[in-house]
C-alpha atoms as a PDB file:
ATOM      1  CA  MET A   1     -85.946 -10.846  -4.836  1.00  0.00           C
ATOM      2  CA  ALA A   2     -82.923 -12.954  -5.710  1.00  0.00           C
ATOM      3  CA  LEU A   3     -81.730 -15.394  -3.065  1.00  0.00           C
ATOM      4  CA  ASP A   4     -78.478 -17.263  -2.589  1.00  0.00           C
ATOM      5  CA  ILE A   5     -77.928 -20.980  -2.036  1.00  0.00           C
ATOM      6  CA  MET A   6     -75.167 -22.190   0.279  1.00  0.00           C
ATOM      7  CA  ILE A   7     -74.077 -25.799  -0.240  1.00  0.00           C
ATOM      8  CA  GLY A   8     -72.184 -27.506   2.566  1.00  0.00           C
ATOM      9  CA  LYS A   9     -69.381 -30.039   2.109  1.00  0.00           C
ATOM     10  CA  ALA A  10     -71.799 -32.789   3.238  1.00  0.00           C
ATOM     11  CA  GLY A  11     -74.452 -31.666   0.716  1.00  0.00           C
ATOM     12  CA  ASP A  12     -76.663 -29.663   3.090  1.00  0.00           C
ATOM     13  CA  THR A  13     -78.207 -26.551   1.535  1.00  0.00           C
ATOM     14  CA  LEU A  14     -79.444 -23.234   2.914  1.00  0.00           C
ATOM     15  CA  THR A  15     -81.359 -20.615   0.926  1.00  0.00           C
ATOM     16  CA  GLY A  16     -81.041 -16.993   1.998  1.00  0.00           C
ATOM     17  CA  LEU A  17     -78.700 -14.039   1.609  1.00  0.00           C
ATOM     18  CA  THR A  18     -74.921 -13.887   1.862  1.00  0.00           C
ATOM     19  CA  GLN A  19     -74.095 -11.128   4.353  1.00  0.00           C
ATOM     20  CA  THR A  20     -70.315 -11.140   3.836  1.00  0.00           C
ATOM     21  CA  PRO A  21     -69.664  -7.912   1.873  1.00  0.00           C
ATOM     22  CA  GLY A  22     -66.768  -9.278  -0.176  1.00  0.00           C
ATOM     23  CA  PHE A  23     -64.232 -12.026  -0.717  1.00  0.00           C
ATOM     24  CA  GLN A  24     -60.450 -11.818  -0.703  1.00  0.00           C
ATOM     25  CA  ILE A  25     -58.609 -14.242  -2.991  1.00  0.00           C
ATOM     26  CA  ALA A  26     -54.917 -14.732  -3.720  1.00  0.00           C
ATOM     27  CA  THR A  27     -54.530 -15.614  -7.422  1.00  0.00           C
ATOM     28  CA  ASP A  28     -51.589 -16.068  -9.753  1.00  0.00           C
ATOM     29  CA  LEU A  29     -52.362 -12.473 -10.852  1.00  0.00           C
ATOM     30  CA  GLY A  30     -52.117 -11.131  -7.280  1.00  0.00           C
ATOM     31  CA  GLU A  31     -54.442 -10.405  -4.373  1.00  0.00           C
ATOM     32  CA  GLN A  32     -57.997  -9.503  -5.354  1.00  0.00           C
ATOM     33  CA  ASP A  33     -60.768  -7.984  -3.206  1.00  0.00           C
ATOM     34  CA  VAL A  34     -64.098  -8.708  -4.860  1.00  0.00           C
ATOM     35  CA  PRO A  35     -67.449  -7.356  -3.600  1.00  0.00           C
ATOM     36  CA  THR A  36     -70.103 -10.049  -3.187  1.00  0.00           C
ATOM     37  CA  LYS A  37     -72.420  -8.179  -5.584  1.00  0.00           C
ATOM     38  CA  ALA A  38     -69.860  -8.826  -8.376  1.00  0.00           C
ATOM     39  CA  ILE A  39     -69.810 -12.612  -7.736  1.00  0.00           C
ATOM     40  CA  ARG A  40     -72.121 -15.256  -9.181  1.00  0.00           C
ATOM     41  CA  ARG A  41     -70.575 -18.340  -7.553  1.00  0.00           C
ATOM     42  CA  VAL A  42     -68.046 -19.034  -4.789  1.00  0.00           C
ATOM     43  CA  HIS A  43     -66.369 -22.454  -4.812  1.00  0.00           C
ATOM     44  CA  PHE A  44     -64.226 -23.655  -1.921  1.00  0.00           C
ATOM     45  CA  LYS A  45     -61.548 -26.261  -2.624  1.00  0.00           C
ATOM     46  CA  SER A  46     -62.409 -29.859  -1.908  1.00  0.00           C
ATOM     47  CA  PRO A  47     -59.853 -31.530   0.396  1.00  0.00           C
ATOM     48  CA  ASN A  48     -60.406 -34.784  -1.554  1.00  0.00           C
ATOM     49  CA  MET A  49     -59.226 -33.250  -4.829  1.00  0.00           C
ATOM     50  CA  PRO A  50     -55.592 -32.101  -4.558  1.00  0.00           C
ATOM     51  CA  THR A  51     -55.668 -30.124  -7.829  1.00  0.00           C
ATOM     52  CA  ASP A  52     -58.899 -28.311  -6.927  1.00  0.00           C
ATOM     53  CA  ARG A  53     -58.610 -24.582  -6.093  1.00  0.00           C
ATOM     54  CA  ASP A  54     -60.909 -22.009  -4.519  1.00  0.00           C
ATOM     55  CA  GLN A  55     -62.757 -20.079  -7.219  1.00  0.00           C
ATOM     56  CA  LEU A  56     -64.794 -16.917  -7.645  1.00  0.00           C
ATOM     57  CA  TRP A  57     -67.026 -16.942 -10.729  1.00  0.00           C
ATOM     58  CA  LEU A  58     -67.864 -13.304 -11.436  1.00  0.00           C
ATOM     59  CA  VAL A  59     -71.019 -11.745 -12.882  1.00  0.00           C
ATOM     60  CA  ASN A  60     -68.979 -10.435 -15.847  1.00  0.00           C
ATOM     61  CA  ALA A  61     -67.915 -14.056 -16.692  1.00  0.00           C
ATOM     62  CA  ASP A  62     -64.359 -13.700 -15.288  1.00  0.00           C
ATOM     63  CA  LEU A  63     -63.011 -16.557 -13.181  1.00  0.00           C
ATOM     64  CA  LEU A  64     -60.521 -16.089 -10.325  1.00  0.00           C
ATOM     65  CA  SER A  65     -58.795 -19.200  -8.923  1.00  0.00           C
ATOM     66  CA  GLY A  66     -56.498 -19.424  -5.942  1.00  0.00           C
ATOM     67  CA  VAL A  67     -56.931 -19.275  -2.176  1.00  0.00           C
ATOM     68  CA  ILE A  68     -59.903 -17.475  -0.616  1.00  0.00           C
ATOM     69  CA  HIS A  69     -58.847 -15.807   2.662  1.00  0.00           C
ATOM     70  CA  ASN A  70     -62.332 -15.443   4.223  1.00  0.00           C
ATOM     71  CA  LYS A  71     -62.468 -17.866   7.171  1.00  0.00           C
ATOM     72  CA  LEU A  72     -66.067 -17.128   8.237  1.00  0.00           C
ATOM     73  CA  ILE A  73     -68.977 -16.459   5.889  1.00  0.00           C
ATOM     74  CA  ALA A  74     -71.994 -14.549   7.204  1.00  0.00           C
ATOM     75  CA  PHE A  75     -75.221 -16.012   5.795  1.00  0.00           C
ATOM     76  CA  LYS A  76     -78.850 -15.236   6.665  1.00  0.00           C
ATOM     77  CA  PRO A  77     -81.155 -18.153   5.881  1.00  0.00           C
ATOM     78  CA  VAL A  78     -84.746 -17.410   4.909  1.00  0.00           C
ATOM     79  CA  ASN A  79     -86.655 -16.864   8.191  1.00  0.00           C
ATOM     80  CA  GLY A  80     -83.487 -17.327  10.252  1.00  0.00           C
ATOM     81  CA  ASN A  81     -80.803 -15.361  12.029  1.00  0.00           C
ATOM     82  CA  VAL A  82     -77.418 -14.521  10.532  1.00  0.00           C
ATOM     83  CA  LEU A  83     -75.025 -17.464  10.848  1.00  0.00           C
ATOM     84  CA  GLN A  84     -71.224 -17.288  10.851  1.00  0.00           C
ATOM     85  CA  ILE A  85     -70.247 -20.415   8.924  1.00  0.00           C
ATOM     86  CA  PRO A  86     -66.609 -21.551   8.696  1.00  0.00           C
ATOM     87  CA  SER A  87     -65.548 -21.563   5.049  1.00  0.00           C
ATOM     88  CA  ASP A  88     -63.988 -25.028   5.389  1.00  0.00           C
ATOM     89  CA  ARG A  89     -67.533 -26.422   5.833  1.00  0.00           C
ATOM     90  CA  ILE A  90     -68.813 -24.856   2.598  1.00  0.00           C
ATOM     91  CA  SER A  91     -68.570 -26.350  -0.880  1.00  0.00           C
ATOM     92  CA  ASP A  92     -70.254 -23.588  -2.905  1.00  0.00           C
ATOM     93  CA  ILE A  93     -72.310 -20.419  -2.612  1.00  0.00           C
ATOM     94  CA  LEU A  94     -74.559 -19.664  -5.570  1.00  0.00           C
ATOM     95  CA  ILE A  95     -75.279 -15.940  -5.427  1.00  0.00           C
ATOM     96  CA  ALA A  96     -78.565 -14.496  -6.711  1.00  0.00           C
ATOM     97  CA  TRP A  97     -79.410 -17.989  -7.928  1.00  0.00           C
ATOM     98  CA  VAL A  98     -83.075 -18.204  -6.869  1.00  0.00           C
ATOM     99  CA  MET A  99     -84.967 -15.463  -8.682  1.00  0.00           C
ATOM    100  CA  GLY A 100     -88.432 -14.199  -7.784  1.00  0.00           C
ATOM    101  CA  SER A 101     -89.047 -16.741  -5.055  1.00  0.00           C
ATOM    102  CA  GLY A 102     -91.234 -14.348  -3.091  1.00  0.00           C
ATOM    103  CA  LEU A 103     -90.049 -15.937   0.150  1.00  0.00           C
ATOM    104  CA  PRO A 104     -89.973 -13.575   3.130  1.00  0.00           C
ATOM    105  CA  LEU A 105     -86.652 -13.109   4.898  1.00  0.00           C
ATOM    106  CA  THR A 106     -88.277 -12.735   8.306  1.00  0.00           C
ATOM    107  CA  ALA A 107     -90.919 -14.797  10.022  1.00  0.00           C
ATOM    108  CA  PRO A 108     -94.453 -13.329   9.950  1.00  0.00           C
END
């Protein structure tokens, strides 16, 4: 099973599954609604880098840059309950990044 890695702005990491079904981003090409299954990486703008933008890196190698509208991201850590994490506390989400880990998603 492929698992996701959430990286917080302070460098904390959680491994689990992103439960948010999709991301909404305003780009120079217009508003885009992208299902999570079509995304490989989500990057949230760093407040310390004024030219940085939110980004969705897609499975098909497309890149969308702009402003992500999702304010809360649902994430289920391995062996934990679903968390609602404010997007301004997240640096990146790496989707389907950990392959074949064999880790259970619920406690025995």
